[in-house]
Amino acid sequence: MTLLLQQGYQQYAQVLTHYFEEQPQPQHFPDRNRTSRVAPVGDAYLALRGLNKQLWHLLYMRDEIHPTPHGTWLQSCILFATLFPHEPIPNYDPKFWTFHRETNKKDDGEEPSTLLSMGYPTPTEQEAHELRELAWRVVTTGAATAAPMQKG
């Protein structure tokens, strides 16, 4: 993501926040925070590139644009942490990919063309954990560098 694109997202969020602040508070969500937020997916990709280039390469399909299962997992963690900043990101369950595959079979039982059938691996539990922790650090600290948290 370019710096100009990131700045545009932030400006858009500010405009939306200002707009929503001027609107009457909805009765069905009386205590809802109406501040717009930007999910920092680009910051997480950038941080991972600096921290673990080998894992970063697993985020993109061969076209270098679309996400692989690794990229999809990182994006989902970023979105979850942005939408629910006070909740821990759910743990990774590798069975998700099997479930997705089984529920999307064609009527004739033929496997659909999926990222898995195209040779893109799913994250290992260790990779998924690293991506999950990175997502949490980027969202909660706002740091694109997102150095690993110190344990202890």
N, C-alpha and C. Protein backbone atom coordinates (compact mmCIF):
# COMPACT_ATOMS: atom_id res chain seq x y z
N MET A 1 0.85 -1.17 0.00
CA MET A 1 0.00 0.00 0.00
C MET A 1 0.90 1.23 0.00
N THR A 2 0.58 2.18 -0.83
CA THR A 2 1.38 3.39 -0.88
C THR A 2 0.98 4.34 0.24
N LEU A 3 1.89 5.25 0.55
CA LEU A 3 1.62 6.23 1.60
C LEU A 3 0.41 7.09 1.24
N LEU A 4 0.29 7.48 -0.03
CA LEU A 4 -0.84 8.31 -0.44
C LEU A 4 -2.17 7.58 -0.27
N LEU A 5 -2.18 6.29 -0.59
CA LEU A 5 -3.39 5.49 -0.41
C LEU A 5 -3.75 5.41 1.07
N GLN A 6 -2.75 5.18 1.91
CA GLN A 6 -2.99 5.12 3.35
C GLN A 6 -3.53 6.46 3.87
N GLN A 7 -2.96 7.55 3.41
CA GLN A 7 -3.45 8.86 3.83
C GLN A 7 -4.89 9.08 3.36
N GLY A 8 -5.20 8.61 2.16
CA GLY A 8 -6.57 8.73 1.66
C GLY A 8 -7.56 7.95 2.52
N TYR A 9 -7.18 6.75 2.93
CA TYR A 9 -8.04 5.96 3.81
C TYR A 9 -8.28 6.71 5.13
N GLN A 10 -7.23 7.29 5.68
CA GLN A 10 -7.37 8.00 6.94
C GLN A 10 -8.27 9.23 6.79
N GLN A 11 -8.12 9.94 5.68
CA GLN A 11 -8.98 11.11 5.43
C GLN A 11 -10.44 10.67 5.29
N TYR A 12 -10.66 9.59 4.59
CA TYR A 12 -12.01 9.07 4.40
C TYR A 12 -12.61 8.69 5.75
N ALA A 13 -11.82 8.05 6.62
CA ALA A 13 -12.30 7.68 7.95
C ALA A 13 -12.66 8.93 8.76
N GLN A 14 -11.86 9.98 8.64
CA GLN A 14 -12.16 11.23 9.36
C GLN A 14 -13.46 11.85 8.87
N VAL A 15 -13.67 11.84 7.56
CA VAL A 15 -14.91 12.39 7.00
C VAL A 15 -16.11 11.59 7.50
N LEU A 16 -16.00 10.26 7.48
CA LEU A 16 -17.10 9.42 7.96
C LEU A 16 -17.37 9.63 9.44
N THR A 17 -16.31 9.74 10.23
CA THR A 17 -16.48 9.98 11.66
C THR A 17 -17.21 11.29 11.89
N HIS A 18 -16.79 12.33 11.20
CA HIS A 18 -17.44 13.64 11.34
C HIS A 18 -18.92 13.55 10.93
N TYR A 19 -19.20 12.86 9.84
CA TYR A 19 -20.57 12.69 9.38
C TYR A 19 -21.41 11.97 10.43
N PHE A 20 -20.91 10.86 10.95
CA PHE A 20 -21.68 10.07 11.91
C PHE A 20 -21.87 10.81 13.23
N GLU A 21 -20.91 11.63 13.61
CA GLU A 21 -21.06 12.41 14.85
C GLU A 21 -22.19 13.42 14.74
N GLU A 22 -22.48 13.88 13.52
CA GLU A 22 -23.54 14.87 13.32
C GLU A 22 -24.93 14.23 13.23
N GLN A 23 -24.98 12.91 13.07
CA GLN A 23 -26.26 12.21 12.95
C GLN A 23 -26.83 11.90 14.33
N PRO A 24 -28.16 11.81 14.43
CA PRO A 24 -28.75 11.41 15.72
C PRO A 24 -28.28 10.00 16.10
N GLN A 25 -28.12 9.80 17.39
CA GLN A 25 -27.68 8.48 17.89
C GLN A 25 -28.81 7.49 17.65
N PRO A 26 -28.53 6.35 17.01
CA PRO A 26 -29.59 5.37 16.79
C PRO A 26 -30.10 4.80 18.11
N GLN A 27 -31.40 4.63 18.21
CA GLN A 27 -32.00 4.12 19.45
C GLN A 27 -31.58 2.68 19.74
N HIS A 28 -31.41 1.87 18.71
CA HIS A 28 -31.08 0.47 18.93
C HIS A 28 -29.60 0.25 19.25
N PHE A 29 -28.76 1.28 19.11
CA PHE A 29 -27.35 1.21 19.49
C PHE A 29 -26.97 2.48 20.25
N PRO A 30 -27.55 2.71 21.42
CA PRO A 30 -27.35 4.00 22.09
C PRO A 30 -25.92 4.27 22.54
N ASP A 31 -25.14 3.26 22.85
CA ASP A 31 -23.79 3.49 23.36
C ASP A 31 -22.71 3.17 22.34
N ARG A 32 -23.08 3.00 21.12
CA ARG A 32 -22.12 2.59 20.10
C ARG A 32 -21.13 3.71 19.78
N ASN A 33 -19.85 3.33 19.72
CA ASN A 33 -18.80 4.25 19.31
C ASN A 33 -18.95 4.48 17.81
N ARG A 34 -19.02 5.72 17.40
CA ARG A 34 -19.25 6.01 15.99
C ARG A 34 -18.01 6.57 15.31
N THR A 35 -16.85 6.21 15.83
CA THR A 35 -15.60 6.60 15.22
C THR A 35 -15.24 5.59 14.12
N SER A 36 -14.96 6.09 12.95
CA SER A 36 -14.55 5.21 11.85
C SER A 36 -13.10 4.79 12.06
N ARG A 37 -12.83 3.56 11.71
CA ARG A 37 -11.46 3.04 11.83
C ARG A 37 -11.05 2.43 10.51
N VAL A 38 -9.75 2.44 10.28
CA VAL A 38 -9.19 1.81 9.08
C VAL A 38 -8.48 0.55 9.53
N ALA A 39 -8.83 -0.56 8.92
CA ALA A 39 -8.14 -1.83 9.22
C ALA A 39 -6.76 -1.78 8.57
N PRO A 40 -5.70 -1.81 9.35
CA PRO A 40 -4.35 -1.60 8.81
C PRO A 40 -3.73 -2.84 8.16
N VAL A 41 -4.41 -3.38 7.16
CA VAL A 41 -3.91 -4.57 6.48
C VAL A 41 -2.58 -4.28 5.80
N GLY A 42 -2.47 -3.15 5.13
CA GLY A 42 -1.22 -2.80 4.46
C GLY A 42 -0.07 -2.66 5.44
N ASP A 43 -0.35 -2.09 6.62
CA ASP A 43 0.69 -1.96 7.64
C ASP A 43 1.16 -3.33 8.11
N ALA A 44 0.24 -4.27 8.23
CA ALA A 44 0.62 -5.62 8.66
C ALA A 44 1.48 -6.30 7.61
N TYR A 45 1.11 -6.15 6.33
CA TYR A 45 1.92 -6.73 5.26
C TYR A 45 3.32 -6.12 5.28
N LEU A 46 3.39 -4.81 5.45
CA LEU A 46 4.68 -4.12 5.49
C LEU A 46 5.51 -4.59 6.68
N ALA A 47 4.88 -4.70 7.83
CA ALA A 47 5.59 -5.15 9.03
C ALA A 47 6.13 -6.56 8.83
N LEU A 48 5.31 -7.44 8.26
CA LEU A 48 5.75 -8.81 8.06
C LEU A 48 6.92 -8.87 7.08
N ARG A 49 6.90 -8.02 6.10
CA ARG A 49 8.01 -8.01 5.12
C ARG A 49 9.33 -7.72 5.83
N GLY A 50 9.30 -6.84 6.82
CA GLY A 50 10.51 -6.53 7.57
C GLY A 50 10.88 -7.57 8.60
N LEU A 51 9.90 -8.30 9.10
CA LEU A 51 10.14 -9.27 10.17
C LEU A 51 10.43 -10.68 9.68
N ASN A 52 9.73 -11.10 8.62
CA ASN A 52 9.85 -12.48 8.15
C ASN A 52 9.54 -12.52 6.65
N LYS A 53 10.56 -12.26 5.85
CA LYS A 53 10.33 -12.16 4.40
C LYS A 53 9.84 -13.47 3.80
N GLN A 54 10.29 -14.59 4.35
CA GLN A 54 9.85 -15.90 3.83
C GLN A 54 8.35 -16.06 4.03
N LEU A 55 7.83 -15.71 5.20
CA LEU A 55 6.40 -15.80 5.45
C LEU A 55 5.65 -14.75 4.64
N TRP A 56 6.25 -13.58 4.48
CA TRP A 56 5.63 -12.51 3.68
C TRP A 56 5.38 -12.99 2.25
N HIS A 57 6.32 -13.74 1.67
CA HIS A 57 6.14 -14.24 0.30
C HIS A 57 4.96 -15.20 0.20
N LEU A 58 4.56 -15.80 1.30
CA LEU A 58 3.43 -16.73 1.28
C LEU A 58 2.07 -16.02 1.30
N LEU A 59 2.07 -14.69 1.42
CA LEU A 59 0.82 -13.93 1.48
C LEU A 59 0.17 -13.75 0.11
N TYR A 60 0.95 -13.82 -0.94
CA TYR A 60 0.46 -13.47 -2.28
C TYR A 60 0.42 -14.67 -3.21
N MET A 61 -0.57 -14.66 -4.10
CA MET A 61 -0.62 -15.63 -5.18
C MET A 61 0.47 -15.28 -6.19
N ARG A 62 0.62 -16.11 -7.20
CA ARG A 62 1.66 -15.88 -8.21
C ARG A 62 1.48 -14.54 -8.92
N ASP A 63 0.26 -14.03 -8.99
CA ASP A 63 0.03 -12.74 -9.66
C ASP A 63 0.51 -11.55 -8.81
N GLU A 64 0.96 -11.84 -7.59
CA GLU A 64 1.48 -10.84 -6.66
C GLU A 64 0.46 -9.76 -6.28
N ILE A 65 -0.81 -10.09 -6.41
CA ILE A 65 -1.89 -9.17 -6.05
C ILE A 65 -2.86 -9.83 -5.07
N HIS A 66 -3.38 -10.98 -5.45
CA HIS A 66 -4.42 -11.65 -4.67
C HIS A 66 -3.82 -12.43 -3.51
N PRO A 67 -4.57 -12.51 -2.40
CA PRO A 67 -4.05 -13.21 -1.22
C PRO A 67 -4.19 -14.73 -1.32
N THR A 68 -3.24 -15.40 -0.73
CA THR A 68 -3.28 -16.85 -0.57
C THR A 68 -4.03 -17.14 0.75
N PRO A 69 -4.15 -18.40 1.15
CA PRO A 69 -4.74 -18.66 2.47
C PRO A 69 -3.97 -17.95 3.60
N HIS A 70 -2.66 -17.81 3.47
CA HIS A 70 -1.89 -17.08 4.48
C HIS A 70 -2.33 -15.61 4.54
N GLY A 71 -2.45 -15.00 3.35
CA GLY A 71 -2.89 -13.61 3.29
C GLY A 71 -4.31 -13.44 3.77
N THR A 72 -5.16 -14.39 3.44
CA THR A 72 -6.55 -14.34 3.89
C THR A 72 -6.63 -14.43 5.40
N TRP A 73 -5.84 -15.31 6.00
CA TRP A 73 -5.83 -15.44 7.46
C TRP A 73 -5.35 -14.14 8.11
N LEU A 74 -4.26 -13.56 7.60
CA LEU A 74 -3.75 -12.31 8.17
C LEU A 74 -4.80 -11.21 8.04
N GLN A 75 -5.43 -11.10 6.88
CA GLN A 75 -6.46 -10.07 6.69
C GLN A 75 -7.63 -10.28 7.65
N SER A 76 -8.04 -11.51 7.84
CA SER A 76 -9.17 -11.77 8.75
C SER A 76 -8.80 -11.41 10.19
N CYS A 77 -7.57 -11.67 10.57
CA CYS A 77 -7.12 -11.31 11.92
C CYS A 77 -7.10 -9.79 12.10
N ILE A 78 -6.64 -9.08 11.09
CA ILE A 78 -6.61 -7.62 11.14
C ILE A 78 -8.04 -7.07 11.25
N LEU A 79 -8.94 -7.59 10.43
CA LEU A 79 -10.33 -7.12 10.48
C LEU A 79 -10.96 -7.41 11.84
N PHE A 80 -10.73 -8.60 12.37
CA PHE A 80 -11.30 -8.94 13.67
C PHE A 80 -10.78 -8.01 14.75
N ALA A 81 -9.46 -7.80 14.77
CA ALA A 81 -8.86 -6.94 15.80
C ALA A 81 -9.31 -5.49 15.66
N THR A 82 -9.57 -5.06 14.43
CA THR A 82 -10.05 -3.69 14.21
C THR A 82 -11.49 -3.53 14.67
N LEU A 83 -12.33 -4.52 14.36
CA LEU A 83 -13.74 -4.44 14.73
C LEU A 83 -13.99 -4.70 16.21
N PHE A 84 -13.18 -5.57 16.80
CA PHE A 84 -13.37 -5.96 18.20
C PHE A 84 -12.06 -5.76 18.96
N PRO A 85 -11.66 -4.51 19.18
CA PRO A 85 -10.33 -4.25 19.75
C PRO A 85 -10.14 -4.73 21.19
N HIS A 86 -11.19 -5.10 21.85
CA HIS A 86 -11.06 -5.57 23.24
C HIS A 86 -11.21 -7.07 23.37
N GLU A 87 -11.28 -7.75 22.24
CA GLU A 87 -11.45 -9.20 22.24
C GLU A 87 -10.20 -9.85 21.66
N PRO A 88 -9.77 -10.97 22.20
CA PRO A 88 -8.64 -11.66 21.58
C PRO A 88 -9.05 -12.27 20.24
N ILE A 89 -8.14 -12.26 19.31
CA ILE A 89 -8.40 -12.87 18.00
C ILE A 89 -8.55 -14.37 18.21
N PRO A 90 -9.58 -14.98 17.63
CA PRO A 90 -9.76 -16.42 17.82
C PRO A 90 -8.54 -17.22 17.36
N ASN A 91 -8.35 -18.35 17.98
CA ASN A 91 -7.25 -19.23 17.59
C ASN A 91 -7.51 -19.83 16.22
N TYR A 92 -6.46 -20.18 15.58
CA TYR A 92 -6.50 -20.78 14.25
C TYR A 92 -6.94 -22.23 14.34
N ASP A 93 -7.78 -22.62 13.41
CA ASP A 93 -8.19 -24.02 13.33
C ASP A 93 -7.98 -24.49 11.90
N PRO A 94 -6.96 -25.32 11.67
CA PRO A 94 -6.68 -25.75 10.30
C PRO A 94 -7.85 -26.50 9.65
N LYS A 95 -8.79 -26.99 10.45
CA LYS A 95 -9.95 -27.70 9.89
C LYS A 95 -10.85 -26.76 9.08
N PHE A 96 -10.70 -25.44 9.29
CA PHE A 96 -11.50 -24.49 8.53
C PHE A 96 -11.35 -24.73 7.04
N TRP A 97 -10.12 -24.93 6.59
CA TRP A 97 -9.87 -25.07 5.16
C TRP A 97 -10.51 -26.35 4.63
N THR A 98 -10.51 -27.43 5.42
CA THR A 98 -11.16 -28.67 5.02
C THR A 98 -12.66 -28.47 4.97
N PHE A 99 -13.21 -27.81 5.99
CA PHE A 99 -14.64 -27.53 6.03
C PHE A 99 -15.05 -26.71 4.82
N HIS A 100 -14.28 -25.68 4.51
CA HIS A 100 -14.59 -24.82 3.37
C HIS A 100 -14.61 -25.63 2.07
N ARG A 101 -13.66 -26.51 1.95
CA ARG A 101 -13.56 -27.34 0.75
C ARG A 101 -14.76 -28.27 0.62
N GLU A 102 -15.12 -28.90 1.74
CA GLU A 102 -16.24 -29.86 1.71
C GLU A 102 -17.57 -29.16 1.45
N THR A 103 -17.77 -27.99 2.00
CA THR A 103 -19.06 -27.31 1.84
C THR A 103 -19.20 -26.63 0.49
N ASN A 104 -18.11 -26.54 -0.25
CA ASN A 104 -18.18 -25.89 -1.56
C ASN A 104 -18.03 -26.87 -2.72
N LYS A 105 -18.22 -28.15 -2.46
CA LYS A 105 -18.16 -29.14 -3.55
C LYS A 105 -19.32 -28.90 -4.51
N LYS A 106 -19.04 -29.19 -5.74
CA LYS A 106 -20.08 -29.05 -6.77
C LYS A 106 -21.11 -30.16 -6.60
N ASP A 107 -22.28 -30.00 -7.19
CA ASP A 107 -23.35 -30.99 -7.09
C ASP A 107 -22.91 -32.38 -7.55
N ASP A 108 -22.01 -32.41 -8.52
CA ASP A 108 -21.56 -33.71 -9.02
C ASP A 108 -20.43 -34.31 -8.18
N GLY A 109 -20.10 -33.65 -7.05
CA GLY A 109 -19.06 -34.15 -6.16
C GLY A 109 -17.66 -33.73 -6.56
N GLU A 110 -17.54 -33.05 -7.69
CA GLU A 110 -16.23 -32.62 -8.17
C GLU A 110 -15.70 -31.49 -7.29
N GLU A 111 -14.40 -31.55 -7.06
CA GLU A 111 -13.77 -30.50 -6.25
C GLU A 111 -13.84 -29.17 -7.00
N PRO A 112 -14.19 -28.10 -6.31
CA PRO A 112 -14.17 -26.79 -6.96
C PRO A 112 -12.72 -26.33 -7.14
N SER A 113 -12.52 -25.42 -8.04
CA SER A 113 -11.19 -24.85 -8.22
C SER A 113 -10.96 -23.88 -7.06
N THR A 114 -10.07 -24.25 -6.18
CA THR A 114 -9.80 -23.43 -5.00
C THR A 114 -8.32 -23.13 -4.93
N LEU A 115 -7.97 -22.25 -4.01
CA LEU A 115 -6.55 -21.96 -3.78
C LEU A 115 -5.81 -23.23 -3.40
N LEU A 116 -6.47 -24.10 -2.66
CA LEU A 116 -5.82 -25.34 -2.24
C LEU A 116 -5.56 -26.24 -3.44
N SER A 117 -6.54 -26.34 -4.33
CA SER A 117 -6.35 -27.19 -5.51
C SER A 117 -5.36 -26.58 -6.48
N MET A 118 -5.09 -25.29 -6.35
CA MET A 118 -4.13 -24.62 -7.22
C MET A 118 -2.71 -24.70 -6.64
N GLY A 119 -2.56 -25.38 -5.50
CA GLY A 119 -1.23 -25.59 -4.95
C GLY A 119 -0.79 -24.59 -3.89
N TYR A 120 -1.70 -23.75 -3.41
CA TYR A 120 -1.34 -22.81 -2.36
C TYR A 120 -1.56 -23.49 -1.01
N PRO A 121 -0.52 -23.57 -0.19
CA PRO A 121 -0.66 -24.24 1.10
C PRO A 121 -1.46 -23.40 2.09
N THR A 122 -2.00 -24.06 3.07
CA THR A 122 -2.66 -23.35 4.17
C THR A 122 -1.61 -23.07 5.24
N PRO A 123 -1.85 -22.07 6.08
CA PRO A 123 -0.88 -21.78 7.13
C PRO A 123 -0.73 -22.96 8.10
N THR A 124 0.49 -23.20 8.52
CA THR A 124 0.70 -24.15 9.61
C THR A 124 0.21 -23.46 10.89
N GLU A 125 0.07 -24.22 11.94
CA GLU A 125 -0.37 -23.60 13.19
C GLU A 125 0.63 -22.56 13.67
N GLN A 126 1.92 -22.82 13.48
CA GLN A 126 2.95 -21.86 13.89
C GLN A 126 2.86 -20.58 13.05
N GLU A 127 2.70 -20.72 11.73
CA GLU A 127 2.57 -19.55 10.86
C GLU A 127 1.31 -18.76 11.21
N ALA A 128 0.22 -19.47 11.42
CA ALA A 128 -1.04 -18.80 11.77
C ALA A 128 -0.90 -18.04 13.07
N HIS A 129 -0.21 -18.63 14.04
CA HIS A 129 0.02 -17.96 15.32
C HIS A 129 0.85 -16.69 15.12
N GLU A 130 1.89 -16.79 14.32
CA GLU A 130 2.74 -15.62 14.07
C GLU A 130 1.94 -14.51 13.37
N LEU A 131 1.13 -14.87 12.40
CA LEU A 131 0.31 -13.87 11.70
C LEU A 131 -0.73 -13.26 12.64
N ARG A 132 -1.32 -14.08 13.48
CA ARG A 132 -2.32 -13.60 14.45
C ARG A 132 -1.69 -12.61 15.42
N GLU A 133 -0.52 -12.95 15.95
CA GLU A 133 0.17 -12.05 16.89
C GLU A 133 0.58 -10.75 16.20
N LEU A 134 1.04 -10.85 14.97
CA LEU A 134 1.41 -9.66 14.22
C LEU A 134 0.19 -8.76 14.02
N ALA A 135 -0.93 -9.34 13.64
CA ALA A 135 -2.15 -8.57 13.44
C ALA A 135 -2.52 -7.82 14.71
N TRP A 136 -2.47 -8.50 15.83
CA TRP A 136 -2.83 -7.86 17.09
C TRP A 136 -1.88 -6.70 17.41
N ARG A 137 -0.58 -6.90 17.21
CA ARG A 137 0.40 -5.85 17.50
C ARG A 137 0.18 -4.64 16.59
N VAL A 138 -0.05 -4.90 15.29
CA VAL A 138 -0.23 -3.79 14.36
C VAL A 138 -1.49 -2.99 14.70
N VAL A 139 -2.58 -3.68 14.99
CA VAL A 139 -3.84 -2.98 15.29
C VAL A 139 -3.75 -2.24 16.62
N THR A 140 -3.18 -2.86 17.64
CA THR A 140 -3.19 -2.25 18.97
C THR A 140 -2.11 -1.19 19.16
N THR A 141 -1.00 -1.30 18.43
CA THR A 141 0.06 -0.30 18.59
C THR A 141 0.07 0.71 17.47
N GLY A 142 -0.53 0.36 16.33
CA GLY A 142 -0.52 1.26 15.19
C GLY A 142 0.84 1.35 14.52
N ALA A 143 1.73 0.45 14.89
CA ALA A 143 3.10 0.51 14.36
C ALA A 143 3.24 -0.41 13.16
N ALA A 144 3.69 0.15 12.05
CA ALA A 144 3.91 -0.66 10.86
C ALA A 144 5.12 -1.57 11.03
N THR A 145 6.02 -1.24 11.95
CA THR A 145 7.17 -2.10 12.15
C THR A 145 6.82 -3.27 13.06
N ALA A 146 5.95 -3.06 14.01
CA ALA A 146 5.39 -4.11 14.89
C ALA A 146 6.43 -5.13 15.33
N ALA A 147 7.43 -4.68 16.04
CA ALA A 147 8.44 -5.60 16.55
C ALA A 147 7.77 -6.63 17.44
N PRO A 148 8.30 -7.85 17.45
CA PRO A 148 7.68 -8.90 18.29
C PRO A 148 7.59 -8.47 19.73
N MET A 149 6.49 -8.86 20.37
CA MET A 149 6.30 -8.53 21.78
C MET A 149 7.29 -9.29 22.64
N GLN A 150 7.74 -8.65 23.69
CA GLN A 150 8.64 -9.32 24.63
C GLN A 150 7.81 -10.20 25.54
N LYS A 151 8.25 -11.42 25.71
CA LYS A 151 7.55 -12.33 26.61
C LYS A 151 8.18 -12.21 27.99
N GLY A 152 7.35 -12.30 29.00
CA GLY A 152 7.92 -12.28 30.33
C GLY A 152 7.17 -11.47 31.29
